[in-house]
Each structure stands twice: as C-alpha cells, then as structure tokens.
Protein backbone atom coordinates (compact mmCIF):
# COMPACT_ATOMS: atom_id res chain seq x y z
CA MET A 1 -15.43 -80.97 -48.99
CA ARG A 2 -12.35 -82.54 -50.75
CA LEU A 3 -9.76 -80.79 -49.12
CA GLN A 4 -11.27 -81.63 -45.58
CA SER A 5 -11.52 -85.08 -46.53
CA SER A 6 -7.83 -84.85 -47.75
CA ILE A 7 -6.56 -83.40 -44.76
CA PHE A 8 -8.19 -85.75 -42.32
CA GLU A 9 -6.67 -88.35 -44.39
CA GLU A 10 -3.04 -86.97 -44.11
CA VAL A 11 -3.50 -86.30 -40.40
CA SER A 12 -4.94 -89.60 -39.95
CA LEU A 13 -1.36 -91.12 -41.64
CA LEU A 14 0.94 -88.67 -39.45
CA PHE A 15 -0.70 -90.07 -36.23
CA ARG A 16 0.06 -93.60 -37.26
CA GLY A 17 3.31 -93.68 -38.10
CA GLU A 18 5.16 -90.24 -38.24
CA LEU A 19 4.41 -88.56 -34.65
CA SER A 20 6.84 -89.99 -32.58
CA ASP A 21 5.97 -88.63 -28.99
CA PRO A 22 5.04 -91.46 -26.83
CA LEU A 23 2.08 -89.28 -25.01
CA LEU A 24 0.62 -89.33 -28.80
CA GLU A 25 0.56 -93.23 -28.99
CA GLY A 26 -3.03 -94.62 -29.27
CA VAL A 27 -4.30 -91.79 -29.94
CA THR A 28 -6.63 -91.61 -32.80
CA VAL A 29 -7.98 -88.51 -34.97
CA THR A 30 -11.97 -89.12 -35.22
CA THR A 31 -13.12 -85.91 -36.90
CA LEU A 32 -12.04 -83.09 -39.08
CA GLU A 33 -13.91 -79.96 -39.64
CA LEU A 34 -12.62 -77.11 -41.72
CA SER A 35 -13.77 -73.56 -41.80
CA PRO A 36 -15.71 -72.28 -44.39
CA ASP A 37 -12.63 -70.04 -45.52
CA GLY A 38 -10.18 -72.94 -44.87
CA ARG A 39 -8.24 -70.94 -42.39
CA GLN A 40 -8.91 -73.17 -39.43
CA ALA A 41 -9.32 -76.97 -38.79
CA ARG A 42 -10.81 -78.39 -35.74
CA ILE A 43 -9.53 -81.83 -35.12
CA GLY A 44 -11.31 -84.14 -32.68
CA PHE A 45 -9.43 -86.84 -31.16
CA THR A 46 -9.84 -90.01 -28.60
CA LEU A 47 -7.59 -91.00 -26.15
CA PRO A 48 -6.33 -94.48 -25.68
CA PRO A 49 -8.27 -96.01 -22.50
CA GLU A 50 -4.99 -96.40 -20.79
CA ARG A 51 -4.49 -92.56 -20.93
CA GLN A 52 -7.96 -91.95 -19.23
CA GLU A 53 -6.82 -91.37 -15.49
CA SER A 54 -4.24 -88.71 -16.85
CA GLY A 55 -6.95 -86.69 -18.73
CA PRO A 56 -6.58 -84.97 -22.23
CA ALA A 57 -3.98 -82.35 -20.67
CA PRO A 58 -0.80 -84.17 -21.58
CA VAL A 59 -2.22 -85.15 -24.82
CA GLU A 60 -3.09 -81.48 -25.57
CA GLU A 61 0.20 -80.20 -24.65
CA ALA A 62 2.25 -83.13 -26.94
CA LEU A 63 0.02 -81.90 -29.83
CA GLU A 64 0.77 -78.27 -29.35
CA ARG A 65 4.33 -79.15 -29.47
CA ALA A 66 3.71 -81.31 -32.89
CA THR A 67 1.34 -78.68 -34.30
CA GLY A 68 4.43 -77.12 -36.59
CA PHE A 69 5.88 -80.63 -37.85
CA ILE A 70 1.91 -81.56 -38.59
CA ARG A 71 1.21 -78.11 -40.33
CA SER A 72 4.58 -78.55 -42.67
CA GLN A 73 4.01 -82.41 -43.53
CA LEU A 74 0.56 -81.07 -44.71
CA ALA A 75 1.70 -78.75 -46.63
CA LEU A 76 4.09 -81.07 -48.36
CA GLY A 77 2.03 -83.88 -48.64
CA LEU A 78 -1.21 -82.04 -49.85
CA ASN A 79 0.90 -79.28 -51.70
CA LEU A 80 -0.95 -76.43 -50.13
CA LYS A 81 -0.01 -72.96 -50.38
CA ARG A 82 -1.84 -71.76 -47.20
CA VAL A 83 -2.15 -74.67 -44.39
CA PRO A 84 -5.05 -74.17 -41.82
CA ASN A 85 -4.31 -73.59 -38.17
CA LEU A 86 -4.97 -76.48 -36.24
CA ARG A 87 -6.90 -77.00 -33.04
CA PHE A 88 -7.14 -80.22 -31.53
CA VAL A 89 -10.17 -81.11 -29.36
CA CYS A 90 -10.62 -84.32 -26.92
CA VAL A 91 -13.89 -86.05 -27.90
CA GLY A 92 -13.70 -89.00 -25.38
CA VAL A 93 -11.88 -92.06 -24.69
CA ALA A 94 -11.81 -94.84 -27.07
CA PRO A 95 -13.59 -98.28 -25.96
CA ARG A 96 -11.45 -100.96 -24.51
CA LEU A 97 -10.79 -103.87 -27.08
CA LEU A 98 -11.58 -107.16 -25.58
CA ALA A 99 -9.30 -109.86 -26.18
CA THR A 100 -10.82 -112.85 -27.83
CA GLY A 101 -9.69 -116.15 -26.92
CA GLY A 102 -10.12 -119.36 -29.02
CA GLU A 103 -13.16 -120.45 -28.08
CA GLY A 104 -16.13 -119.49 -29.80
CA ASP A 105 -14.25 -117.93 -33.07
CA GLU A 106 -15.54 -118.78 -36.29
CA SER A 107 -12.55 -118.72 -38.84
C-alpha cells in the first residue's frame, strides 16, 4: 500500500510539472491501483472540461507516448528496481470551475 501511495504521488507530480505535451495540460491523475505482485499499475485520469468534445483518445495516445518517460522518472524518483507497467484509463471529465466575482466572497 505504501508503494502504491508513493507511485501515485510521483505520477501526480509528473503530471503537474514534467510532462510537456500540450494534450496533457489540465489532465489530472485521480486513482492508482497497483496489482498485488506490483507488476501492473492502473492509473485513472480525468480530462479537463475543454477536452470533453474531442474525447479521451488524443489524451490516451499522448499518455502512451509519455509512458516510457513516466516509468523512467518513477525508477529514478522512487529508486525502484522494477517499475510496474502503466495502463491509463479515463474515468471522466473534471467539473468546470466557476469563476467567482467579488460579490458575496467572504475573505
């Protein structure tokens, strides 16, 4: 369970700053399930609202291209001898954040 948590944190950090593909901007990692033997990791992600029209296919292709980089960064960041195979699964679209105006805000 600790390894699963560490992998989730590391992948989340990579999504927030290390992945340069514009198709991955706004994509958020939401879940990570590690198989009992540690060989497979199923990573759930949400699409940003503006990508809802195009669907998950372009993002899944970008993730496929980035998988080698992500695995290498996991090996370095977590000092792993064996890095699990990564499988990305779209679990939905992130809700739109409503911009708040000045009225009614309590600061």
